[in-house]
PDB file of N, CA and C in Angstrom:
ATOM      1  N   MET A   1      72.760  54.323  13.704  1.00  0.00           N
ATOM      2  CA  MET A   1      72.534  54.218  15.125  1.00  0.00           C
ATOM      3  C   MET A   1      71.906  55.515  15.610  1.00  0.00           C
ATOM      4  N   ARG A   2      70.716  55.378  16.107  1.00  0.00           N
ATOM      5  CA  ARG A   2      69.987  56.561  16.541  1.00  0.00           C
ATOM      6  C   ARG A   2      70.132  56.843  18.019  1.00  0.00           C
ATOM      7  N   SER A   3      69.968  55.839  18.855  1.00  0.00           N
ATOM      8  CA  SER A   3      69.929  56.102  20.295  1.00  0.00           C
ATOM      9  C   SER A   3      71.303  55.925  20.935  1.00  0.00           C
ATOM     10  N   ILE A   4      71.441  56.533  22.081  1.00  0.00           N
ATOM     11  CA  ILE A   4      72.685  56.426  22.835  1.00  0.00           C
ATOM     12  C   ILE A   4      72.891  54.996  23.328  1.00  0.00           C
ATOM     13  N   ASN A   5      71.793  54.279  23.618  1.00  0.00           N
ATOM     14  CA  ASN A   5      71.905  52.893  24.069  1.00  0.00           C
ATOM     15  C   ASN A   5      72.526  52.005  23.003  1.00  0.00           C
ATOM     16  N   GLU A   6      72.172  52.237  21.749  1.00  0.00           N
ATOM     17  CA  GLU A   6      72.765  51.464  20.652  1.00  0.00           C
ATOM     18  C   GLU A   6      74.265  51.714  20.558  1.00  0.00           C
ATOM     19  N   LYS A   7      74.655  52.964  20.712  1.00  0.00           N
ATOM     20  CA  LYS A   7      76.079  53.312  20.636  1.00  0.00           C
ATOM     21  C   LYS A   7      76.854  52.731  21.816  1.00  0.00           C
ATOM     22  N   ILE A   8      76.277  52.834  23.005  1.00  0.00           N
ATOM     23  CA  ILE A   8      76.946  52.292  24.195  1.00  0.00           C
ATOM     24  C   ILE A   8      77.101  50.781  24.069  1.00  0.00           C
ATOM     25  N   ALA A   9      76.064  50.095  23.602  1.00  0.00           N
ATOM     26  CA  ALA A   9      76.132  48.636  23.443  1.00  0.00           C
ATOM     27  C   ALA A   9      77.251  48.247  22.478  1.00  0.00           C
ATOM     28  N   LEU A  10      77.363  48.956  21.368  1.00  0.00           N
ATOM     29  CA  LEU A  10      78.431  48.644  20.407  1.00  0.00           C
ATOM     30  C   LEU A  10      79.809  48.910  21.005  1.00  0.00           C
ATOM     31  N   VAL A  11      79.964  50.014  21.713  1.00  0.00           N
ATOM     32  CA  VAL A  11      81.256  50.337  22.341  1.00  0.00           C
ATOM     33  C   VAL A  11      81.618  49.283  23.387  1.00  0.00           C
ATOM     34  N   VAL A  12      80.642  48.865  24.192  1.00  0.00           N
ATOM     35  CA  VAL A  12      80.905  47.850  25.222  1.00  0.00           C
ATOM     36  C   VAL A  12      81.311  46.529  24.564  1.00  0.00           C
ATOM     37  N   LEU A  13      80.634  46.141  23.496  1.00  0.00           N
ATOM     38  CA  LEU A  13      81.000  44.903  22.801  1.00  0.00           C
ATOM     39  C   LEU A  13      82.415  44.983  22.232  1.00  0.00           C
ATOM     40  N   LEU A  14      82.750  46.122  21.653  1.00  0.00           N
ATOM     41  CA  LEU A  14      84.107  46.283  21.117  1.00  0.00           C
ATOM     42  C   LEU A  14      85.147  46.304  22.235  1.00  0.00           C
ATOM     43  N   LEU A  15      84.814  46.913  23.365  1.00  0.00           N
ATOM     44  CA  LEU A  15      85.715  46.895  24.521  1.00  0.00           C
ATOM     45  C   LEU A  15      85.905  45.478  25.056  1.00  0.00           C
ATOM     46  N   LEU A  16      84.820  44.711  25.102  1.00  0.00           N
ATOM     47  CA  LEU A  16      84.935  43.316  25.552  1.00  0.00           C
ATOM     48  C   LEU A  16      85.814  42.509  24.608  1.00  0.00           C
ATOM     49  N   ALA A  17      85.686  42.745  23.313  1.00  0.00           N
ATOM     50  CA  ALA A  17      86.546  42.051  22.350  1.00  0.00           C
ATOM     51  C   ALA A  17      88.006  42.439  22.574  1.00  0.00           C
ATOM     52  N   LEU A  18      88.278  43.726  22.758  1.00  0.00           N
ATOM     53  CA  LEU A  18      89.644  44.200  22.988  1.00  0.00           C
ATOM     54  C   LEU A  18      90.202  43.672  24.303  1.00  0.00           C
ATOM     55  N   ILE A  19      89.414  43.713  25.352  1.00  0.00           N
ATOM     56  CA  ILE A  19      89.857  43.217  26.660  1.00  0.00           C
ATOM     57  C   ILE A  19      90.211  41.738  26.578  1.00  0.00           C
ATOM     58  N   ASN A  20      89.378  40.956  25.893  1.00  0.00           N
ATOM     59  CA  ASN A  20      89.662  39.532  25.774  1.00  0.00           C
ATOM     60  C   ASN A  20      90.871  39.259  24.895  1.00  0.00           C
ATOM     61  N   LEU A  21      91.103  40.091  23.897  1.00  0.00           N
ATOM     62  CA  LEU A  21      92.311  39.947  23.082  1.00  0.00           C
ATOM     63  C   LEU A  21      93.554  40.242  23.923  1.00  0.00           C
ATOM     64  N   ILE A  22      93.501  41.303  24.704  1.00  0.00           N
ATOM     65  CA  ILE A  22      94.626  41.625  25.594  1.00  0.00           C
ATOM     66  C   ILE A  22      94.818  40.518  26.624  1.00  0.00           C
ATOM     67  N   PHE A  23      93.703  40.039  27.193  1.00  0.00           N
ATOM     68  CA  PHE A  23      93.754  38.957  28.177  1.00  0.00           C
ATOM     69  C   PHE A  23      94.384  37.705  27.561  1.00  0.00           C
ATOM     70  N   LEU A  24      94.052  37.420  26.329  1.00  0.00           N
ATOM     71  CA  LEU A  24      94.631  36.260  25.639  1.00  0.00           C
ATOM     72  C   LEU A  24      96.139  36.418  25.454  1.00  0.00           C
ATOM     73  N   ILE A  25      96.559  37.610  25.124  1.00  0.00           N
ATOM     74  CA  ILE A  25      97.987  37.862  24.881  1.00  0.00           C
ATOM     75  C   ILE A  25      98.795  37.759  26.173  1.00  0.00           C
ATOM     76  N   VAL A  26      98.287  38.309  27.278  1.00  0.00           N
ATOM     77  CA  VAL A  26      99.066  38.344  28.511  1.00  0.00           C
ATOM     78  C   VAL A  26      98.894  37.116  29.396  1.00  0.00           C
ATOM     79  N   SER A  27      97.872  36.323  29.152  1.00  0.00           N
ATOM     80  CA  SER A  27      97.667  35.147  30.008  1.00  0.00           C
ATOM     81  C   SER A  27      98.113  33.878  29.299  1.00  0.00           C
ATOM     82  N   LYS A  28      98.141  32.815  30.061  1.00  0.00           N
ATOM     83  CA  LYS A  28      98.534  31.525  29.502  1.00  0.00           C
ATOM     84  C   LYS A  28      97.312  30.656  29.217  1.00  0.00           C
ATOM     85  N   HIS A  29      96.135  31.232  29.338  1.00  0.00           N
ATOM     86  CA  HIS A  29      94.899  30.484  29.152  1.00  0.00           C
ATOM     87  C   HIS A  29      94.340  30.738  27.752  1.00  0.00           C
ATOM     88  N   SER A  30      93.593  29.780  27.259  1.00  0.00           N
ATOM     89  CA  SER A  30      92.981  29.945  25.942  1.00  0.00           C
ATOM     90  C   SER A  30      91.525  30.387  26.040  1.00  0.00           C
ATOM     91  N   GLY A  31      90.986  30.536  27.240  1.00  0.00           N
ATOM     92  CA  GLY A  31      89.598  30.932  27.429  1.00  0.00           C
ATOM     93  C   GLY A  31      89.227  32.272  26.823  1.00  0.00           C
ATOM     94  N   PRO A  32      90.089  33.280  26.922  1.00  0.00           N
ATOM     95  CA  PRO A  32      89.720  34.587  26.367  1.00  0.00           C
ATOM     96  C   PRO A  32      89.494  34.591  24.859  1.00  0.00           C
ATOM     97  N   ILE A  33      89.994  33.585  24.155  1.00  0.00           N
ATOM     98  CA  ILE A  33      89.741  33.566  22.707  1.00  0.00           C
ATOM     99  C   ILE A  33      88.255  33.385  22.425  1.00  0.00           C
ATOM    100  N   ALA A  34      87.572  32.609  23.266  1.00  0.00           N
ATOM    101  CA  ALA A  34      86.120  32.443  23.096  1.00  0.00           C
ATOM    102  C   ALA A  34      85.418  33.781  23.337  1.00  0.00           C
ATOM    103  N   GLY A  35      85.842  34.500  24.369  1.00  0.00           N
ATOM    104  CA  GLY A  35      85.263  35.811  24.635  1.00  0.00           C
ATOM    105  C   GLY A  35      85.506  36.788  23.499  1.00  0.00           C
ATOM    106  N   PHE A  36      86.707  36.756  22.931  1.00  0.00           N
ATOM    107  CA  PHE A  36      87.024  37.632  21.804  1.00  0.00           C
ATOM    108  C   PHE A  36      86.147  37.321  20.602  1.00  0.00           C
ATOM    109  N   ILE A  37      86.014  36.041  20.282  1.00  0.00           N
ATOM    110  CA  ILE A  37      85.213  35.635  19.124  1.00  0.00           C
ATOM    111  C   ILE A  37      83.743  35.986  19.331  1.00  0.00           C
ATOM    112  N   VAL A  38      83.215  35.684  20.516  1.00  0.00           N
ATOM    113  CA  VAL A  38      81.802  35.971  20.791  1.00  0.00           C
ATOM    114  C   VAL A  38      81.539  37.471  20.753  1.00  0.00           C
ATOM    115  N   ALA A  39      82.378  38.258  21.418  1.00  0.00           N
ATOM    116  CA  ALA A  39      82.168  39.711  21.451  1.00  0.00           C
ATOM    117  C   ALA A  39      82.268  40.312  20.051  1.00  0.00           C
ATOM    118  N   THR A  40      83.203  39.841  19.253  1.00  0.00           N
ATOM    119  CA  THR A  40      83.347  40.349  17.891  1.00  0.00           C
ATOM    120  C   THR A  40      82.145  39.975  17.030  1.00  0.00           C
ATOM    121  N   ALA A  41      81.716  38.718  17.121  1.00  0.00           N
ATOM    122  CA  ALA A  41      80.572  38.263  16.326  1.00  0.00           C
ATOM    123  C   ALA A  41      79.290  38.994  16.725  1.00  0.00           C
ATOM    124  N   VAL A  42      79.084  39.177  18.020  1.00  0.00           N
ATOM    125  CA  VAL A  42      77.881  39.872  18.481  1.00  0.00           C
ATOM    126  C   VAL A  42      77.941  41.354  18.093  1.00  0.00           C
ATOM    127  N   ALA A  43      79.125  41.957  18.136  1.00  0.00           N
ATOM    128  CA  ALA A  43      79.268  43.359  17.725  1.00  0.00           C
ATOM    129  C   ALA A  43      78.901  43.527  16.255  1.00  0.00           C
ATOM    130  N   VAL A  44      79.370  42.615  15.411  1.00  0.00           N
ATOM    131  CA  VAL A  44      79.029  42.674  13.979  1.00  0.00           C
ATOM    132  C   VAL A  44      77.526  42.469  13.780  1.00  0.00           C
ATOM    133  N   HIS A  45      76.962  41.496  14.491  1.00  0.00           N
ATOM    134  CA  HIS A  45      75.523  41.249  14.384  1.00  0.00           C
ATOM    135  C   HIS A  45      74.728  42.466  14.872  1.00  0.00           C
ATOM    136  N   TRP A  46      75.167  43.059  15.971  1.00  0.00           N
ATOM    137  CA  TRP A  46      74.492  44.236  16.512  1.00  0.00           C
ATOM    138  C   TRP A  46      74.564  45.398  15.531  1.00  0.00           C
ATOM    139  N   TRP A  47      75.718  45.569  14.894  1.00  0.00           N
ATOM    140  CA  TRP A  47      75.910  46.650  13.922  1.00  0.00           C
ATOM    141  C   TRP A  47      74.921  46.511  12.759  1.00  0.00           C
ATOM    142  N   ARG A  48      74.668  45.256  12.349  1.00  0.00           N
ATOM    143  CA  ARG A  48      73.803  45.014  11.188  1.00  0.00           C
ATOM    144  C   ARG A  48      72.327  44.928  11.542  1.00  0.00           C
ATOM    145  N   LYS A  49      71.973  44.279  12.656  1.00  0.00           N
ATOM    146  CA  LYS A  49      70.566  43.954  12.927  1.00  0.00           C
ATOM    147  C   LYS A  49      69.943  44.704  14.096  1.00  0.00           C
ATOM    148  N   ARG A  50      70.715  45.205  15.033  1.00  0.00           N
ATOM    149  CA  ARG A  50      70.232  45.856  16.248  1.00  0.00           C
ATOM    150  C   ARG A  50      69.271  44.946  17.028  1.00  0.00           C
ATOM    151  N   ASP A  51      69.689  43.708  17.238  1.00  0.00           N
ATOM    152  CA  ASP A  51      68.875  42.705  17.926  1.00  0.00           C
ATOM    153  C   ASP A  51      69.101  42.811  19.433  1.00  0.00           C
ATOM    154  N   SER A  52      68.227  43.532  20.119  1.00  0.00           N
ATOM    155  CA  SER A  52      68.421  43.766  21.551  1.00  0.00           C
ATOM    156  C   SER A  52      68.234  42.497  22.383  1.00  0.00           C
ATOM    157  N   LEU A  53      67.436  41.552  21.909  1.00  0.00           N
ATOM    158  CA  LEU A  53      67.265  40.300  22.645  1.00  0.00           C
ATOM    159  C   LEU A  53      68.581  39.516  22.685  1.00  0.00           C
ATOM    160  N   LEU A  54      69.325  39.507  21.592  1.00  0.00           N
ATOM    161  CA  LEU A  54      70.635  38.848  21.570  1.00  0.00           C
ATOM    162  C   LEU A  54      71.583  39.511  22.561  1.00  0.00           C
ATOM    163  N   ILE A  55      71.554  40.831  22.628  1.00  0.00           N
ATOM    164  CA  ILE A  55      72.411  41.561  23.561  1.00  0.00           C
ATOM    165  C   ILE A  55      72.078  41.169  24.999  1.00  0.00           C
ATOM    166  N   ILE A  56      70.804  41.075  25.309  1.00  0.00           N
ATOM    167  CA  ILE A  56      70.370  40.714  26.663  1.00  0.00           C
ATOM    168  C   ILE A  56      70.840  39.306  27.018  1.00  0.00           C
ATOM    169  N   ILE A  57      70.640  38.364  26.105  1.00  0.00           N
ATOM    170  CA  ILE A  57      71.024  36.971  26.355  1.00  0.00           C
ATOM    171  C   ILE A  57      72.533  36.847  26.518  1.00  0.00           C
ATOM    172  N   ILE A  58      73.297  37.456  25.635  1.00  0.00           N
ATOM    173  CA  ILE A  58      74.761  37.391  25.712  1.00  0.00           C
ATOM    174  C   ILE A  58      75.253  38.021  27.010  1.00  0.00           C
ATOM    175  N   ALA A  59      74.679  39.153  27.400  1.00  0.00           N
ATOM    176  CA  ALA A  59      75.109  39.822  28.634  1.00  0.00           C
ATOM    177  C   ALA A  59      74.840  38.942  29.853  1.00  0.00           C
ATOM    178  N   ILE A  60      73.676  38.311  29.908  1.00  0.00           N
ATOM    179  CA  ILE A  60      73.357  37.442  31.046  1.00  0.00           C
ATOM    180  C   ILE A  60      74.302  36.250  31.095  1.00  0.00           C
ATOM    181  N   ILE A  61      74.525  35.611  29.962  1.00  0.00           N
ATOM    182  CA  ILE A  61      75.448  34.467  29.912  1.00  0.00           C
ATOM    183  C   ILE A  61      76.850  34.900  30.306  1.00  0.00           C
ATOM    184  N   TRP A  62      77.302  36.029  29.780  1.00  0.00           N
ATOM    185  CA  TRP A  62      78.648  36.543  30.065  1.00  0.00           C
ATOM    186  C   TRP A  62      78.815  36.804  31.568  1.00  0.00           C
ATOM    187  N   ILE A  63      77.805  37.406  32.182  1.00  0.00           N
ATOM    188  CA  ILE A  63      77.860  37.698  33.617  1.00  0.00           C
ATOM    189  C   ILE A  63      77.934  36.409  34.422  1.00  0.00           C
ATOM    190  N   PHE A  64      77.073  35.448  34.112  1.00  0.00           N
ATOM    191  CA  PHE A  64      77.063  34.201  34.880  1.00  0.00           C
ATOM    192  C   PHE A  64      78.352  33.402  34.702  1.00  0.00           C
ATOM    193  N   ILE A  65      78.913  33.391  33.510  1.00  0.00           N
ATOM    194  CA  ILE A  65      80.184  32.690  33.301  1.00  0.00           C
ATOM    195  C   ILE A  65      81.272  33.301  34.177  1.00  0.00           C
ATOM    196  N   HIS A  66      81.328  34.624  34.234  1.00  0.00           N
ATOM    197  CA  HIS A  66      82.392  35.260  35.002  1.00  0.00           C
ATOM    198  C   HIS A  66      82.139  35.213  36.505  1.00  0.00           C
ATOM    199  N   ILE A  67      80.890  35.175  36.927  1.00  0.00           N
ATOM    200  CA  ILE A  67      80.608  34.953  38.352  1.00  0.00           C
ATOM    201  C   ILE A  67      81.055  33.544  38.730  1.00  0.00           C
ATOM    202  N   TYR A  68      80.760  32.571  37.875  1.00  0.00           N
ATOM    203  CA  TYR A  68      81.190  31.190  38.126  1.00  0.00           C
ATOM    204  C   TYR A  68      82.718  31.116  38.207  1.00  0.00           C
ATOM    205  N   GLU A  69      83.409  31.742  37.259  1.00  0.00           N
ATOM    206  CA  GLU A  69      84.876  31.744  37.287  1.00  0.00           C
ATOM    207  C   GLU A  69      85.396  32.406  38.558  1.00  0.00           C
ATOM    208  N   LEU A  70      84.764  33.486  38.990  1.00  0.00           N
ATOM    209  CA  LEU A  70      85.198  34.183  40.196  1.00  0.00           C
ATOM    210  C   LEU A  70      85.048  33.295  41.423  1.00  0.00           C
ATOM    211  N   VAL A  71      83.939  32.582  41.511  1.00  0.00           N
ATOM    212  CA  VAL A  71      83.694  31.708  42.661  1.00  0.00           C
ATOM    213  C   VAL A  71      84.640  30.510  42.653  1.00  0.00           C
ATOM    214  N   VAL A  72      84.826  29.902  41.491  1.00  0.00           N
ATOM    215  CA  VAL A  72      85.620  28.678  41.401  1.00  0.00           C
ATOM    216  C   VAL A  72      87.123  28.955  41.383  1.00  0.00           C
ATOM    217  N   MET A  73      87.564  29.921  40.576  1.00  0.00           N
ATOM    218  CA  MET A  73      88.998  30.128  40.374  1.00  0.00           C
ATOM    219  C   MET A  73      89.536  31.436  40.924  1.00  0.00           C
ATOM    220  N   GLY A  74      88.687  32.354  41.277  1.00  0.00           N
ATOM    221  CA  GLY A  74      89.149  33.660  41.721  1.00  0.00           C
ATOM    222  C   GLY A  74      89.406  34.565  40.523  1.00  0.00           C
ATOM    223  N   ALA A  75      89.889  35.759  40.798  1.00  0.00           N
ATOM    224  CA  ALA A  75      90.104  36.746  39.741  1.00  0.00           C
ATOM    225  C   ALA A  75      91.321  36.439  38.887  1.00  0.00           C
ATOM    226  N   GLY A  76      92.204  35.567  39.335  1.00  0.00           N
ATOM    227  CA  GLY A  76      93.350  35.173  38.525  1.00  0.00           C
ATOM    228  C   GLY A  76      94.493  36.162  38.566  1.00  0.00           C
ATOM    229  N   SER A  77      95.370  36.040  37.587  1.00  0.00           N
ATOM    230  CA  SER A  77      96.584  36.847  37.555  1.00  0.00           C
ATOM    231  C   SER A  77      96.356  38.244  36.980  1.00  0.00           C
ATOM    232  N   GLN A  78      95.244  38.456  36.306  1.00  0.00           N
ATOM    233  CA  GLN A  78      94.926  39.764  35.714  1.00  0.00           C
ATOM    234  C   GLN A  78      93.567  40.246  36.247  1.00  0.00           C
ATOM    235  N   PRO A  79      93.516  40.671  37.507  1.00  0.00           N
ATOM    236  CA  PRO A  79      92.210  41.002  38.099  1.00  0.00           C
ATOM    237  C   PRO A  79      91.494  42.171  37.423  1.00  0.00           C
ATOM    238  N   VAL A  80      92.231  43.155  36.920  1.00  0.00           N
ATOM    239  CA  VAL A  80      91.576  44.301  36.274  1.00  0.00           C
ATOM    240  C   VAL A  80      90.832  43.836  35.022  1.00  0.00           C
ATOM    241  N   LEU A  81      91.495  43.046  34.195  1.00  0.00           N
ATOM    242  CA  LEU A  81      90.848  42.539  32.983  1.00  0.00           C
ATOM    243  C   LEU A  81      89.682  41.629  33.333  1.00  0.00           C
ATOM    244  N   PHE A  82      89.852  40.830  34.384  1.00  0.00           N
ATOM    245  CA  PHE A  82      88.775  39.937  34.788  1.00  0.00           C
ATOM    246  C   PHE A  82      87.552  40.730  35.243  1.00  0.00           C
ATOM    247  N   TYR A  83      87.758  41.730  36.092  1.00  0.00           N
ATOM    248  CA  TYR A  83      86.618  42.497  36.595  1.00  0.00           C
ATOM    249  C   TYR A  83      85.975  43.352  35.504  1.00  0.00           C
ATOM    250  N   LEU A  84      86.743  43.817  34.536  1.00  0.00           N
ATOM    251  CA  LEU A  84      86.140  44.490  33.383  1.00  0.00           C
ATOM    252  C   LEU A  84      85.244  43.515  32.614  1.00  0.00           C
ATOM    253  N   ASN A  85      85.693  42.270  32.486  1.00  0.00           N
ATOM    254  CA  ASN A  85      84.893  41.238  31.833  1.00  0.00           C
ATOM    255  C   ASN A  85      83.634  40.909  32.626  1.00  0.00           C
ATOM    256  N   LEU A  86      83.669  41.150  33.910  1.00  0.00           N
ATOM    257  CA  LEU A  86      82.511  40.879  34.755  1.00  0.00           C
ATOM    258  C   LEU A  86      81.530  42.054  34.782  1.00  0.00           C
ATOM    259  N   PHE A  87      82.038  43.286  34.859  1.00  0.00           N
ATOM    260  CA  PHE A  87      81.165  44.434  35.056  1.00  0.00           C
ATOM    261  C   PHE A  87      80.692  45.118  33.776  1.00  0.00           C
ATOM    262  N   LEU A  88      81.455  45.081  32.694  1.00  0.00           N
ATOM    263  CA  LEU A  88      81.001  45.683  31.447  1.00  0.00           C
ATOM    264  C   LEU A  88      79.720  45.042  30.903  1.00  0.00           C
ATOM    265  N   PRO A  89      79.551  43.730  31.022  1.00  0.00           N
ATOM    266  CA  PRO A  89      78.285  43.147  30.546  1.00  0.00           C
ATOM    267  C   PRO A  89      77.054  43.623  31.325  1.00  0.00           C
ATOM    268  N   ILE A  90      77.242  44.132  32.542  1.00  0.00           N
ATOM    269  CA  ILE A  90      76.108  44.692  33.277  1.00  0.00           C
ATOM    270  C   ILE A  90      75.607  45.942  32.553  1.00  0.00           C
ATOM    271  N   LEU A  91      76.524  46.767  32.083  1.00  0.00           N
ATOM    272  CA  LEU A  91      76.161  47.930  31.277  1.00  0.00           C
ATOM    273  C   LEU A  91      75.515  47.489  29.966  1.00  0.00           C
ATOM    274  N   LEU A  92      76.051  46.443  29.378  1.00  0.00           N
ATOM    275  CA  LEU A  92      75.488  45.893  28.146  1.00  0.00           C
ATOM    276  C   LEU A  92      74.056  45.403  28.377  1.00  0.00           C
ATOM    277  N   LEU A  93      73.829  44.726  29.479  1.00  0.00           N
ATOM    278  CA  LEU A  93      72.491  44.250  29.826  1.00  0.00           C
ATOM    279  C   LEU A  93      71.530  45.429  29.998  1.00  0.00           C
ATOM    280  N   TYR A  94      71.964  46.442  30.690  1.00  0.00           N
ATOM    281  CA  TYR A  94      71.137  47.639  30.893  1.00  0.00           C
ATOM    282  C   TYR A  94      70.752  48.271  29.557  1.00  0.00           C
ATOM    283  N   CYS A  95      71.721  48.448  28.679  1.00  0.00           N
ATOM    284  CA  CYS A  95      71.445  49.067  27.375  1.00  0.00           C
ATOM    285  C   CYS A  95      70.530  48.187  26.528  1.00  0.00           C
ATOM    286  N   GLY A  96      70.737  46.888  26.587  1.00  0.00           N
ATOM    287  CA  GLY A  96      69.867  45.967  25.842  1.00  0.00           C
ATOM    288  C   GLY A  96      68.433  46.016  26.330  1.00  0.00           C
ATOM    289  N   LEU A  97      68.256  46.065  27.656  1.00  0.00           N
ATOM    290  CA  LEU A  97      66.911  46.149  28.219  1.00  0.00           C
ATOM    291  C   LEU A  97      66.243  47.479  27.877  1.00  0.00           C
ATOM    292  N   LYS A  98      66.993  48.564  27.956  1.00  0.00           N
ATOM    293  CA  LYS A  98      66.447  49.875  27.583  1.00  0.00           C
ATOM    294  C   LYS A  98      66.045  49.909  26.120  1.00  0.00           C
ATOM    295  N   GLU A  99      66.881  49.362  25.259  1.00  0.00           N
ATOM    296  CA  GLU A  99      66.592  49.361  23.831  1.00  0.00           C
ATOM    297  C   GLU A  99      65.378  48.482  23.519  1.00  0.00           C
ATOM    298  N   LYS A 100      65.262  47.351  24.201  1.00  0.00           N
ATOM    299  CA  LYS A 100      64.101  46.466  24.023  1.00  0.00           C
ATOM    300  C   LYS A 100      62.827  47.189  24.448  1.00  0.00           C
ATOM    301  N   ARG A 101      62.906  47.899  25.550  1.00  0.00           N
ATOM    302  CA  ARG A 101      61.747  48.639  26.046  1.00  0.00           C
ATOM    303  C   ARG A 101      61.359  49.757  25.063  1.00  0.00           C
ATOM    304  N   ILE A 102      62.338  50.462  24.549  1.00  0.00           N
ATOM    305  CA  ILE A 102      62.072  51.544  23.594  1.00  0.00           C
ATOM    306  C   ILE A 102      61.406  50.986  22.335  1.00  0.00           C
ATOM    307  N   LYS A 103      61.911  49.869  21.838  1.00  0.00           N
ATOM    308  CA  LYS A 103      61.329  49.267  20.628  1.00  0.00           C
ATOM    309  C   LYS A 103      59.917  48.760  20.873  1.00  0.00           C
ATOM    310  N   SER A 104      59.643  48.251  22.059  1.00  0.00           N
ATOM    311  CA  SER A 104      58.299  47.767  22.342  1.00  0.00           C
ATOM    312  C   SER A 104      57.306  48.920  22.469  1.00  0.00           C
ATOM    313  N   VAL A 105      57.755  50.061  22.984  1.00  0.00           N
ATOM    314  CA  VAL A 105      56.894  51.234  23.082  1.00  0.00           C
ATOM    315  C   VAL A 105      56.612  51.795  21.693  1.00  0.00           C
ATOM    316  N   ARG A 106      57.618  51.825  20.826  1.00  0.00           N
ATOM    317  CA  ARG A 106      57.439  52.339  19.466  1.00  0.00           C
ATOM    318  C   ARG A 106      56.474  51.479  18.644  1.00  0.00           C
ATOM    319  N   SER A 107      56.459  50.183  18.899  1.00  0.00           N
ATOM    320  CA  SER A 107      55.634  49.275  18.101  1.00  0.00           C
ATOM    321  C   SER A 107      54.156  49.311  18.500  1.00  0.00           C
ATOM    322  N   ARG A 108      53.832  49.963  19.582  1.00  0.00           N
ATOM    323  CA  ARG A 108      52.425  50.032  20.024  1.00  0.00           C
ATOM    324  C   ARG A 108      51.618  50.983  19.236  1.00  0.00           C
TER     325      ARG A 108
END
């Protein structure tokens, strides 16, 4: 990992996996297991391939899912974990876009 954006993206993915694991343990819902699996799988893929387009797509989907949950169901019984799940992907999206831009400049 050369750039700070790559490191931040990996840390955010690992934090999302941890947050969803904690959310799964403390809540009565099974939804966080999907977040844990996705964040873990994307973190492993990112570690191996550094695919910034995947990071961008996952971050956008993650943000929209949690905005939908916020509108329909509210923040729920664990608002801190919920809002971390909502706002951390914004940082992930930023890092993915920066990394995509850096790679496109290097390829010219």
